[in-house]
PDB file of N, CA and C in Angstrom:
ATOM      1  N   MET A   1     119.415 103.128  87.041  1.00  0.00           N
ATOM      2  CA  MET A   1     120.652 103.382  87.752  1.00  0.00           C
ATOM      3  C   MET A   1     121.053 104.834  87.518  1.00  0.00           C
ATOM      4  N   ARG A   2     121.623 105.449  88.543  1.00  0.00           N
ATOM      5  CA  ARG A   2     122.020 106.854  88.421  1.00  0.00           C
ATOM      6  C   ARG A   2     123.103 107.024  87.355  1.00  0.00           C
ATOM      7  N   GLU A   3     123.060 108.160  86.680  1.00  0.00           N
ATOM      8  CA  GLU A   3     124.002 108.415  85.582  1.00  0.00           C
ATOM      9  C   GLU A   3     125.446 108.428  86.043  1.00  0.00           C
ATOM     10  N   ALA A   4     125.712 108.866  87.258  1.00  0.00           N
ATOM     11  CA  ALA A   4     127.093 108.936  87.749  1.00  0.00           C
ATOM     12  C   ALA A   4     127.727 107.552  87.852  1.00  0.00           C
ATOM     13  N   LEU A   5     126.900 106.518  87.908  1.00  0.00           N
ATOM     14  CA  LEU A   5     127.420 105.160  88.033  1.00  0.00           C
ATOM     15  C   LEU A   5     127.608 104.483  86.679  1.00  0.00           C
ATOM     16  N   LEU A   6     127.354 105.212  85.589  1.00  0.00           N
ATOM     17  CA  LEU A   6     127.428 104.626  84.249  1.00  0.00           C
ATOM     18  C   LEU A   6     128.608 105.191  83.468  1.00  0.00           C
ATOM     19  N   THR A   7     129.102 104.397  82.524  1.00  0.00           N
ATOM     20  CA  THR A   7     130.138 104.881  81.616  1.00  0.00           C
ATOM     21  C   THR A   7     129.464 105.682  80.510  1.00  0.00           C
ATOM     22  N   CYS A   8     130.266 106.198  79.600  1.00  0.00           N
ATOM     23  CA  CYS A   8     129.695 106.958  78.492  1.00  0.00           C
ATOM     24  C   CYS A   8     128.852 106.070  77.573  1.00  0.00           C
ATOM     25  N   ASP A   9     129.029 104.747  77.643  1.00  0.00           N
ATOM     26  CA  ASP A   9     128.240 103.808  76.841  1.00  0.00           C
ATOM     27  C   ASP A   9     127.009 103.308  77.594  1.00  0.00           C
ATOM     28  N   ASN A  10     126.672 103.957  78.687  1.00  0.00           N
ATOM     29  CA  ASN A  10     125.541 103.558  79.537  1.00  0.00           C
ATOM     30  C   ASN A  10     125.723 102.181  80.171  1.00  0.00           C
ATOM     31  N   GLU A  11     126.970 101.785  80.375  1.00  0.00           N
ATOM     32  CA  GLU A  11     127.275 100.521  81.052  1.00  0.00           C
ATOM     33  C   GLU A  11     127.655 100.832  82.498  1.00  0.00           C
ATOM     34  N   PRO A  12     127.198 100.010  83.441  1.00  0.00           N
ATOM     35  CA  PRO A  12     127.572 100.254  84.830  1.00  0.00           C
ATOM     36  C   PRO A  12     129.060 100.003  85.056  1.00  0.00           C
ATOM     37  N   THR A  13     129.677 100.826  85.874  1.00  0.00           N
ATOM     38  CA  THR A  13     131.091 100.647  86.203  1.00  0.00           C
ATOM     39  C   THR A  13     131.207  99.778  87.453  1.00  0.00           C
ATOM     40  N   PRO A  14     132.300  99.029  87.594  1.00  0.00           N
ATOM     41  CA  PRO A  14     132.481  98.230  88.812  1.00  0.00           C
ATOM     42  C   PRO A  14     132.435  99.084  90.081  1.00  0.00           C
ATOM     43  N   VAL A  15     133.078 100.232  90.033  1.00  0.00           N
ATOM     44  CA  VAL A  15     133.061 101.127  91.195  1.00  0.00           C
ATOM     45  C   VAL A  15     131.642 101.616  91.457  1.00  0.00           C
ATOM     46  N   GLY A  16     130.931 101.911  90.404  1.00  0.00           N
ATOM     47  CA  GLY A  16     129.549 102.357  90.551  1.00  0.00           C
ATOM     48  C   GLY A  16     128.652 101.274  91.125  1.00  0.00           C
ATOM     49  N   LEU A  17     128.884 100.035  90.705  1.00  0.00           N
ATOM     50  CA  LEU A  17     128.084  98.924  91.225  1.00  0.00           C
ATOM     51  C   LEU A  17     128.356  98.694  92.704  1.00  0.00           C
ATOM     52  N   VAL A  18     129.618  98.789  93.094  1.00  0.00           N
ATOM     53  CA  VAL A  18     129.954  98.645  94.514  1.00  0.00           C
ATOM     54  C   VAL A  18     129.312  99.777  95.312  1.00  0.00           C
ATOM     55  N   ALA A  19     129.330 100.967  94.770  1.00  0.00           N
ATOM     56  CA  ALA A  19     128.694 102.097  95.452  1.00  0.00           C
ATOM     57  C   ALA A  19     127.190 101.871  95.591  1.00  0.00           C
ATOM     58  N   ALA A  20     126.576 101.292  94.578  1.00  0.00           N
ATOM     59  CA  ALA A  20     125.140 101.006  94.640  1.00  0.00           C
ATOM     60  C   ALA A  20     124.841  99.956  95.709  1.00  0.00           C
ATOM     61  N   VAL A  21     125.689  98.934  95.805  1.00  0.00           N
ATOM     62  CA  VAL A  21     125.514  97.904  96.840  1.00  0.00           C
ATOM     63  C   VAL A  21     125.691  98.524  98.222  1.00  0.00           C
ATOM     64  N   ARG A  22     126.700  99.372  98.368  1.00  0.00           N
ATOM     65  CA  ARG A  22     126.948 100.034  99.650  1.00  0.00           C
ATOM     66  C   ARG A  22     125.760 100.907 100.047  1.00  0.00           C
ATOM     67  N   ALA A  23     125.209 101.633  99.103  1.00  0.00           N
ATOM     68  CA  ALA A  23     124.049 102.490  99.387  1.00  0.00           C
ATOM     69  C   ALA A  23     122.833 101.653  99.782  1.00  0.00           C
ATOM     70  N   ALA A  24     122.622 100.541  99.093  1.00  0.00           N
ATOM     71  CA  ALA A  24     121.497  99.657  99.430  1.00  0.00           C
ATOM     72  C   ALA A  24     121.679  99.049 100.818  1.00  0.00           C
ATOM     73  N   ALA A  25     122.912  98.683 101.166  1.00  0.00           N
ATOM     74  CA  ALA A  25     123.190  98.122 102.492  1.00  0.00           C
ATOM     75  C   ALA A  25     122.914  99.155 103.581  1.00  0.00           C
ATOM     76  N   GLU A  26     123.246 100.400 103.316  1.00  0.00           N
ATOM     77  CA  GLU A  26     122.988 101.470 104.289  1.00  0.00           C
ATOM     78  C   GLU A  26     121.492 101.675 104.489  1.00  0.00           C
ATOM     79  N   VAL A  27     120.733 101.636 103.408  1.00  0.00           N
ATOM     80  CA  VAL A  27     119.271 101.762 103.512  1.00  0.00           C
ATOM     81  C   VAL A  27     118.708 100.605 104.334  1.00  0.00           C
ATOM     82  N   LYS A  28     119.213  99.408 104.076  1.00  0.00           N
ATOM     83  CA  LYS A  28     118.758  98.223 104.807  1.00  0.00           C
ATOM     84  C   LYS A  28     119.080  98.345 106.300  1.00  0.00           C
ATOM     85  N   LYS A  29     120.280  98.837 106.618  1.00  0.00           N
ATOM     86  CA  LYS A  29     120.682  99.003 108.015  1.00  0.00           C
ATOM     87  C   LYS A  29     119.797 100.032 108.717  1.00  0.00           C
ATOM     88  N   GLN A  30     119.509 101.136 108.038  1.00  0.00           N
ATOM     89  CA  GLN A  30     118.647 102.164 108.624  1.00  0.00           C
ATOM     90  C   GLN A  30     117.236 101.635 108.847  1.00  0.00           C
ATOM     91  N   ALA A  31     116.738 100.827 107.915  1.00  0.00           N
ATOM     92  CA  ALA A  31     115.398 100.243 108.071  1.00  0.00           C
ATOM     93  C   ALA A  31     115.359  99.291 109.266  1.00  0.00           C
ATOM     94  N   ALA A  32     116.418  98.507 109.458  1.00  0.00           N
ATOM     95  CA  ALA A  32     116.480  97.583 110.596  1.00  0.00           C
ATOM     96  C   ALA A  32     116.508  98.346 111.914  1.00  0.00           C
ATOM     97  N   LEU A  33     117.243  99.452 111.963  1.00  0.00           N
ATOM     98  CA  LEU A  33     117.277 100.274 113.176  1.00  0.00           C
ATOM     99  C   LEU A  33     115.923 100.909 113.458  1.00  0.00           C
ATOM    100  N   THR A  34     115.274 101.401 112.424  1.00  0.00           N
ATOM    101  CA  THR A  34     113.945 101.987 112.587  1.00  0.00           C
ATOM    102  C   THR A  34     112.970 100.945 113.116  1.00  0.00           C
ATOM    103  N   GLU A  35     113.033  99.735 112.572  1.00  0.00           N
ATOM    104  CA  GLU A  35     112.173  98.640 113.030  1.00  0.00           C
ATOM    105  C   GLU A  35     112.449  98.305 114.494  1.00  0.00           C
ATOM    106  N   ALA A  36     113.724  98.197 114.852  1.00  0.00           N
ATOM    107  CA  ALA A  36     114.088  97.850 116.230  1.00  0.00           C
ATOM    108  C   ALA A  36     113.590  98.904 117.211  1.00  0.00           C
ATOM    109  N   TYR A  37     113.780 100.177 116.887  1.00  0.00           N
ATOM    110  CA  TYR A  37     113.294 101.245 117.774  1.00  0.00           C
ATOM    111  C   TYR A  37     111.776 101.209 117.896  1.00  0.00           C
ATOM    112  N   ALA A  38     111.088 100.939 116.809  1.00  0.00           N
ATOM    113  CA  ALA A  38     109.620 100.866 116.855  1.00  0.00           C
ATOM    114  C   ALA A  38     109.161  99.712 117.744  1.00  0.00           C
ATOM    115  N   VAL A  39     109.827  98.565 117.646  1.00  0.00           N
ATOM    116  CA  VAL A  39     109.470  97.418 118.488  1.00  0.00           C
ATOM    117  C   VAL A  39     109.725  97.752 119.953  1.00  0.00           C
ATOM    118  N   LEU A  40     110.853  98.378 120.257  1.00  0.00           N
ATOM    119  CA  LEU A  40     111.154  98.726 121.647  1.00  0.00           C
ATOM    120  C   LEU A  40     110.187  99.775 122.193  1.00  0.00           C
ATOM    121  N   GLU A  41     109.760 100.701 121.364  1.00  0.00           N
ATOM    122  CA  GLU A  41     108.742 101.669 121.794  1.00  0.00           C
ATOM    123  C   GLU A  41     107.431 100.954 122.074  1.00  0.00           C
ATOM    124  N   TRP A  42     107.105  99.957 121.255  1.00  0.00           N
ATOM    125  CA  TRP A  42     105.897  99.167 121.477  1.00  0.00           C
ATOM    126  C   TRP A  42     105.989  98.434 122.816  1.00  0.00           C
ATOM    127  N   VAL A  43     107.149  97.835 123.101  1.00  0.00           N
ATOM    128  CA  VAL A  43     107.340  97.128 124.373  1.00  0.00           C
ATOM    129  C   VAL A  43     107.139  98.089 125.541  1.00  0.00           C
ATOM    130  N   ALA A  44     107.721  99.272 125.451  1.00  0.00           N
ATOM    131  CA  ALA A  44     107.582 100.252 126.534  1.00  0.00           C
ATOM    132  C   ALA A  44     106.121 100.655 126.727  1.00  0.00           C
ATOM    133  N   ALA A  45     105.388 100.776 125.634  1.00  0.00           N
ATOM    134  CA  ALA A  45     103.980 101.184 125.716  1.00  0.00           C
ATOM    135  C   ALA A  45     103.089 100.059 126.234  1.00  0.00           C
ATOM    136  N   ARG A  46     103.463  98.808 126.003  1.00  0.00           N
ATOM    137  CA  ARG A  46     102.619  97.660 126.366  1.00  0.00           C
ATOM    138  C   ARG A  46     103.110  96.929 127.613  1.00  0.00           C
ATOM    139  N   GLN A  47     104.114  97.466 128.276  1.00  0.00           N
ATOM    140  CA  GLN A  47     104.690  96.815 129.448  1.00  0.00           C
ATOM    141  C   GLN A  47     103.650  96.661 130.556  1.00  0.00           C
ATOM    142  N   LEU A  48     103.605  95.480 131.151  1.00  0.00           N
ATOM    143  CA  LEU A  48     102.685  95.226 132.260  1.00  0.00           C
ATOM    144  C   LEU A  48     103.222  95.863 133.538  1.00  0.00           C
ATOM    145  N   PRO A  49     102.324  96.258 134.431  1.00  0.00           N
ATOM    146  CA  PRO A  49     102.783  96.774 135.729  1.00  0.00           C
ATOM    147  C   PRO A  49     103.580  95.697 136.470  1.00  0.00           C
ATOM    148  N   GLU A  50     104.515  96.119 137.302  1.00  0.00           N
ATOM    149  CA  GLU A  50     105.380  95.165 137.998  1.00  0.00           C
ATOM    150  C   GLU A  50     104.595  94.185 138.854  1.00  0.00           C
ATOM    151  N   ASP A  51     103.514  94.650 139.500  1.00  0.00           N
ATOM    152  CA  ASP A  51     102.754  93.743 140.363  1.00  0.00           C
ATOM    153  C   ASP A  51     102.101  92.625 139.552  1.00  0.00           C
ATOM    154  N   ARG A  52     101.642  92.943 138.348  1.00  0.00           N
ATOM    155  CA  ARG A  52     101.036  91.911 137.490  1.00  0.00           C
ATOM    156  C   ARG A  52     102.087  90.921 137.015  1.00  0.00           C
ATOM    157  N   ALA A  53     103.250  91.419 136.653  1.00  0.00           N
ATOM    158  CA  ALA A  53     104.327  90.545 136.186  1.00  0.00           C
ATOM    159  C   ALA A  53     104.790  89.621 137.306  1.00  0.00           C
ATOM    160  N   ALA A  54     104.918  90.139 138.524  1.00  0.00           N
ATOM    161  CA  ALA A  54     105.345  89.320 139.663  1.00  0.00           C
ATOM    162  C   ALA A  54     104.273  88.303 140.026  1.00  0.00           C
ATOM    163  N   GLU A  55     103.012  88.705 139.898  1.00  0.00           N
ATOM    164  CA  GLU A  55     101.889  87.819 140.217  1.00  0.00           C
ATOM    165  C   GLU A  55     101.915  86.563 139.357  1.00  0.00           C
ATOM    166  N   GLU A  56     102.354  86.698 138.122  1.00  0.00           N
ATOM    167  CA  GLU A  56     102.389  85.559 137.208  1.00  0.00           C
ATOM    168  C   GLU A  56     103.315  84.454 137.707  1.00  0.00           C
ATOM    169  N   TRP A  57     104.316  84.809 138.519  1.00  0.00           N
ATOM    170  CA  TRP A  57     105.281  83.813 138.988  1.00  0.00           C
ATOM    171  C   TRP A  57     104.973  83.301 140.384  1.00  0.00           C
ATOM    172  N   ALA A  58     103.894  83.765 140.996  1.00  0.00           N
ATOM    173  CA  ALA A  58     103.513  83.277 142.319  1.00  0.00           C
ATOM    174  C   ALA A  58     103.126  81.800 142.218  1.00  0.00           C
ATOM    175  N   ASP A  59     103.469  81.026 143.250  1.00  0.00           N
ATOM    176  CA  ASP A  59     103.220  79.574 143.227  1.00  0.00           C
ATOM    177  C   ASP A  59     101.760  79.233 142.982  1.00  0.00           C
ATOM    178  N   ASP A  60     100.844  79.946 143.647  1.00  0.00           N
ATOM    179  CA  ASP A  60      99.428  79.621 143.468  1.00  0.00           C
ATOM    180  C   ASP A  60      98.967  79.918 142.047  1.00  0.00           C
ATOM    181  N   HIS A  61      99.528  80.951 141.449  1.00  0.00           N
ATOM    182  CA  HIS A  61      99.166  81.267 140.059  1.00  0.00           C
ATOM    183  C   HIS A  61      99.703  80.195 139.106  1.00  0.00           C
ATOM    184  N   LEU A  62     100.921  79.738 139.344  1.00  0.00           N
ATOM    185  CA  LEU A  62     101.496  78.699 138.484  1.00  0.00           C
ATOM    186  C   LEU A  62     100.695  77.408 138.581  1.00  0.00           C
ATOM    187  N   ASP A  63     100.228  77.075 139.791  1.00  0.00           N
ATOM    188  CA  ASP A  63      99.393  75.880 139.949  1.00  0.00           C
ATOM    189  C   ASP A  63      98.110  76.007 139.139  1.00  0.00           C
ATOM    190  N   GLN A  64      97.475  77.174 139.219  1.00  0.00           N
ATOM    191  CA  GLN A  64      96.235  77.392 138.476  1.00  0.00           C
ATOM    192  C   GLN A  64      96.503  77.384 136.970  1.00  0.00           C
ATOM    193  N   MET A  65      97.630  77.942 136.582  1.00  0.00           N
ATOM    194  CA  MET A  65      97.955  78.025 135.161  1.00  0.00           C
ATOM    195  C   MET A  65      98.120  76.629 134.552  1.00  0.00           C
ATOM    196  N   THR A  66      98.670  75.683 135.316  1.00  0.00           N
ATOM    197  CA  THR A  66      98.825  74.332 134.780  1.00  0.00           C
ATOM    198  C   THR A  66      97.479  73.650 134.614  1.00  0.00           C
ATOM    199  N   LYS A  67      96.490  74.051 135.406  1.00  0.00           N
ATOM    200  CA  LYS A  67      95.150  73.478 135.294  1.00  0.00           C
ATOM    201  C   LYS A  67      94.354  74.126 134.167  1.00  0.00           C
ATOM    202  N   ASP A  68      94.606  75.403 133.945  1.00  0.00           N
ATOM    203  CA  ASP A  68      93.800  76.170 132.992  1.00  0.00           C
ATOM    204  C   ASP A  68      94.718  76.992 132.098  1.00  0.00           C
ATOM    205  N   ARG A  69      94.976  76.533 130.889  1.00  0.00           N
ATOM    206  CA  ARG A  69      95.875  77.241 129.975  1.00  0.00           C
ATOM    207  C   ARG A  69      95.149  78.254 129.097  1.00  0.00           C
ATOM    208  N   PHE A  70      93.893  78.538 129.389  1.00  0.00           N
ATOM    209  CA  PHE A  70      93.161  79.507 128.590  1.00  0.00           C
ATOM    210  C   PHE A  70      93.427  80.907 129.112  1.00  0.00           C
ATOM    211  N   GLY A  71      93.331  81.877 128.227  1.00  0.00           N
ATOM    212  CA  GLY A  71      93.543  83.261 128.624  1.00  0.00           C
ATOM    213  C   GLY A  71      94.975  83.685 128.368  1.00  0.00           C
ATOM    214  N   SER A  72      95.161  84.973 128.376  1.00  0.00           N
ATOM    215  CA  SER A  72      96.472  85.539 128.099  1.00  0.00           C
ATOM    216  C   SER A  72      97.337  85.503 129.355  1.00  0.00           C
ATOM    217  N   GLN A  73      98.593  85.208 129.165  1.00  0.00           N
ATOM    218  CA  GLN A  73      99.556  85.151 130.266  1.00  0.00           C
ATOM    219  C   GLN A  73     100.594  86.252 130.069  1.00  0.00           C
ATOM    220  N   ALA A  74     101.231  86.626 131.164  1.00  0.00           N
ATOM    221  CA  ALA A  74     102.356  87.550 131.066  1.00  0.00           C
ATOM    222  C   ALA A  74     103.522  86.797 130.440  1.00  0.00           C
ATOM    223  N   LEU A  75     104.202  87.442 129.524  1.00  0.00           N
ATOM    224  CA  LEU A  75     105.301  86.794 128.819  1.00  0.00           C
ATOM    225  C   LEU A  75     106.612  87.478 129.199  1.00  0.00           C
ATOM    226  N   HIS A  76     107.504  86.718 129.805  1.00  0.00           N
ATOM    227  CA  HIS A  76     108.822  87.216 130.198  1.00  0.00           C
ATOM    228  C   HIS A  76     109.768  86.923 129.038  1.00  0.00           C
ATOM    229  N   LEU A  77     110.088  87.947 128.276  1.00  0.00           N
ATOM    230  CA  LEU A  77     110.872  87.761 127.055  1.00  0.00           C
ATOM    231  C   LEU A  77     112.373  87.861 127.270  1.00  0.00           C
ATOM    232  N   ALA A  78     112.771  88.426 128.397  1.00  0.00           N
ATOM    233  CA  ALA A  78     114.189  88.641 128.649  1.00  0.00           C
ATOM    234  C   ALA A  78     114.472  88.364 130.126  1.00  0.00           C
ATOM    235  N   GLY A  79     115.664  88.693 130.556  1.00  0.00           N
ATOM    236  CA  GLY A  79     116.098  88.387 131.909  1.00  0.00           C
ATOM    237  C   GLY A  79     115.409  89.202 132.985  1.00  0.00           C
ATOM    238  N   PRO A  80     115.826  88.990 134.232  1.00  0.00           N
ATOM    239  CA  PRO A  80     115.225  89.693 135.370  1.00  0.00           C
ATOM    240  C   PRO A  80     115.293  91.209 135.202  1.00  0.00           C
ATOM    241  N   GLY A  81     114.201  91.866 135.537  1.00  0.00           N
ATOM    242  CA  GLY A  81     114.134  93.319 135.437  1.00  0.00           C
ATOM    243  C   GLY A  81     113.701  93.832 134.075  1.00  0.00           C
ATOM    244  N   ALA A  82     113.623  92.945 133.098  1.00  0.00           N
ATOM    245  CA  ALA A  82     113.200  93.355 131.753  1.00  0.00           C
ATOM    246  C   ALA A  82     111.686  93.530 131.722  1.00  0.00           C
ATOM    247  N   PRO A  83     111.185  94.354 130.815  1.00  0.00           N
ATOM    248  CA  PRO A  83     109.736  94.541 130.712  1.00  0.00           C
ATOM    249  C   PRO A  83     109.019  93.226 130.408  1.00  0.00           C
ATOM    250  N   VAL A  84     107.806  93.111 130.932  1.00  0.00           N
ATOM    251  CA  VAL A  84     106.964  91.936 130.713  1.00  0.00           C
ATOM    252  C   VAL A  84     105.727  92.406 129.964  1.00  0.00           C
ATOM    253  N   VAL A  85     105.313  91.664 128.945  1.00  0.00           N
ATOM    254  CA  VAL A  85     104.146  92.031 128.142  1.00  0.00           C
ATOM    255  C   VAL A  85     103.169  90.860 128.095  1.00  0.00           C
ATOM    256  N   GLU A  86     101.964  91.138 127.620  1.00  0.00           N
ATOM    257  CA  GLU A  86     100.965  90.078 127.439  1.00  0.00           C
ATOM    258  C   GLU A  86     101.395  89.184 126.279  1.00  0.00           C
ATOM    259  N   GLU A  87     101.203  87.908 126.467  1.00  0.00           N
ATOM    260  CA  GLU A  87     101.575  86.918 125.461  1.00  0.00           C
ATOM    261  C   GLU A  87     100.910  87.206 124.110  1.00  0.00           C
ATOM    262  N   ASP A  88      99.606  87.474 124.128  1.00  0.00           N
ATOM    263  CA  ASP A  88      98.857  87.710 122.887  1.00  0.00           C
ATOM    264  C   ASP A  88      99.401  88.893 122.100  1.00  0.00           C
ATOM    265  N   GLU A  89      99.777  89.935 122.812  1.00  0.00           N
ATOM    266  CA  GLU A  89     100.236  91.148 122.135  1.00  0.00           C
ATOM    267  C   GLU A  89     101.571  90.931 121.438  1.00  0.00           C
ATOM    268  N   THR A  90     102.393  90.088 122.003  1.00  0.00           N
ATOM    269  CA  THR A  90     103.669  89.784 121.357  1.00  0.00           C
ATOM    270  C   THR A  90     103.435  89.086 120.027  1.00  0.00           C
ATOM    271  N   TYR A  91     102.383  88.289 119.963  1.00  0.00           N
ATOM    272  CA  TYR A  91     102.073  87.594 118.721  1.00  0.00           C
ATOM    273  C   TYR A  91     101.633  88.577 117.641  1.00  0.00           C
ATOM    274  N   GLU A  92     101.024  89.691 118.041  1.00  0.00           N
ATOM    275  CA  GLU A  92     100.665  90.730 117.060  1.00  0.00           C
ATOM    276  C   GLU A  92     101.914  91.293 116.408  1.00  0.00           C
ATOM    277  N   ILE A  93     102.925  91.570 117.230  1.00  0.00           N
ATOM    278  CA  ILE A  93     104.183  92.099 116.696  1.00  0.00           C
ATOM    279  C   ILE A  93     104.836  91.067 115.778  1.00  0.00           C
ATOM    280  N   ALA A  94     104.822  89.808 116.188  1.00  0.00           N
ATOM    281  CA  ALA A  94     105.407  88.752 115.350  1.00  0.00           C
ATOM    282  C   ALA A  94     104.728  88.723 113.986  1.00  0.00           C
ATOM    283  N   ALA A  95     103.407  88.818 113.982  1.00  0.00           N
ATOM    284  CA  ALA A  95     102.671  88.810 112.712  1.00  0.00           C
ATOM    285  C   ALA A  95     103.017  90.034 111.872  1.00  0.00           C
ATOM    286  N   ALA A  96     103.129  91.192 112.517  1.00  0.00           N
ATOM    287  CA  ALA A  96     103.469  92.417 111.785  1.00  0.00           C
ATOM    288  C   ALA A  96     104.853  92.319 111.147  1.00  0.00           C
ATOM    289  N   LEU A  97     105.741  91.569 111.782  1.00  0.00           N
ATOM    290  CA  LEU A  97     107.099  91.400 111.259  1.00  0.00           C
ATOM    291  C   LEU A  97     107.214  90.231 110.285  1.00  0.00           C
ATOM    292  N   GLY A  98     106.129  89.477 110.126  1.00  0.00           N
ATOM    293  CA  GLY A  98     106.160  88.324 109.234  1.00  0.00           C
ATOM    294  C   GLY A  98     106.917  87.148 109.829  1.00  0.00           C
ATOM    295  N   LEU A  99     106.911  87.045 111.162  1.00  0.00           N
ATOM    296  CA  LEU A  99     107.618  85.972 111.856  1.00  0.00           C
ATOM    297  C   LEU A  99     106.629  85.038 112.539  1.00  0.00           C
ATOM    298  N   SER A 100     107.083  83.840 112.856  1.00  0.00           N
ATOM    299  CA  SER A 100     106.252  82.935 113.650  1.00  0.00           C
ATOM    300  C   SER A 100     106.148  83.491 115.072  1.00  0.00           C
ATOM    301  N   ARG A 101     105.221  82.952 115.847  1.00  0.00           N
ATOM    302  CA  ARG A 101     105.065  83.432 117.223  1.00  0.00           C
ATOM    303  C   ARG A 101     106.358  83.247 118.010  1.00  0.00           C
ATOM    304  N   GLN A 102     106.974  82.092 117.870  1.00  0.00           N
ATOM    305  CA  GLN A 102     108.193  81.809 118.615  1.00  0.00           C
ATOM    306  C   GLN A 102     109.350  82.701 118.148  1.00  0.00           C
ATOM    307  N   SER A 103     109.516  82.834 116.849  1.00  0.00           N
ATOM    308  CA  SER A 103     110.597  83.675 116.322  1.00  0.00           C
ATOM    309  C   SER A 103     110.388  85.136 116.687  1.00  0.00           C
ATOM    310  N   GLY A 104     109.139  85.592 116.613  1.00  0.00           N
ATOM    311  CA  GLY A 104     108.836  86.976 116.974  1.00  0.00           C
ATOM    312  C   GLY A 104     109.112  87.251 118.435  1.00  0.00           C
ATOM    313  N   SER A 105     108.718  86.322 119.302  1.00  0.00           N
ATOM    314  CA  SER A 105     108.977  86.485 120.736  1.00  0.00           C
ATOM    315  C   SER A 105     110.477  86.502 121.013  1.00  0.00           C
ATOM    316  N   ARG A 106     111.220  85.636 120.342  1.00  0.00           N
ATOM    317  CA  ARG A 106     112.673  85.593 120.517  1.00  0.00           C
ATOM    318  C   ARG A 106     113.309  86.903 120.038  1.00  0.00           C
ATOM    319  N   TYR A 107     112.854  87.401 118.900  1.00  0.00           N
ATOM    320  CA  TYR A 107     113.389  88.650 118.349  1.00  0.00           C
ATOM    321  C   TYR A 107     113.152  89.813 119.311  1.00  0.00           C
ATOM    322  N   VAL A 108     111.927  89.921 119.826  1.00  0.00           N
ATOM    323  CA  VAL A 108     111.609  90.998 120.770  1.00  0.00           C
ATOM    324  C   VAL A 108     112.467  90.849 122.026  1.00  0.00           C
ATOM    325  N   GLY A 109     112.613  89.627 122.526  1.00  0.00           N
ATOM    326  CA  GLY A 109     113.448  89.390 123.704  1.00  0.00           C
ATOM    327  C   GLY A 109     114.894  89.785 123.482  1.00  0.00           C
ATOM    328  N   GLU A 110     115.421  89.477 122.310  1.00  0.00           N
ATOM    329  CA  GLU A 110     116.805  89.850 121.999  1.00  0.00           C
ATOM    330  C   GLU A 110     116.965  91.366 121.935  1.00  0.00           C
ATOM    331  N   LEU A 111     115.974  92.054 121.385  1.00  0.00           N
ATOM    332  CA  LEU A 111     116.043  93.518 121.348  1.00  0.00           C
ATOM    333  C   LEU A 111     116.020  94.100 122.752  1.00  0.00           C
ATOM    334  N   ILE A 112     115.187  93.530 123.618  1.00  0.00           N
ATOM    335  CA  ILE A 112     115.116  94.009 124.999  1.00  0.00           C
ATOM    336  C   ILE A 112     116.467  93.822 125.684  1.00  0.00           C
ATOM    337  N   GLU A 113     117.122  92.706 125.438  1.00  0.00           N
ATOM    338  CA  GLU A 113     118.408  92.417 126.076  1.00  0.00           C
ATOM    339  C   GLU A 113     119.520  93.348 125.596  1.00  0.00           C
ATOM    340  N   LEU A 114     119.378  93.917 124.401  1.00  0.00           N
ATOM    341  CA  LEU A 114     120.421  94.830 123.900  1.00  0.00           C
ATOM    342  C   LEU A 114     120.492  95.999 124.789  1.00  0.00           C
TER     343      LEU A 114
END
């Protein structure tokens, strides 16, 4: 612990402890912002072209998709007009964040909606 937060007996002061908690909270907040910006930059870099994203919702494609669930699909993580990414790639981000596939996809979608 920094010396400024200690008494002359090397005991932490209540004010010093609160300051240490406040400093740790600020570091945590900055790390969360850095993570969020990195995820959004990843989304921008991995965004599918609009024609591919629209193709995924065409009736004939949906019919084929119900017959054959193999292969990567476009994943719509947020509302209309939001970027669309490949399903598999979103799972990479989820793994990098230590989240399940579903939680990671939800987290990325929430960031996009912000």
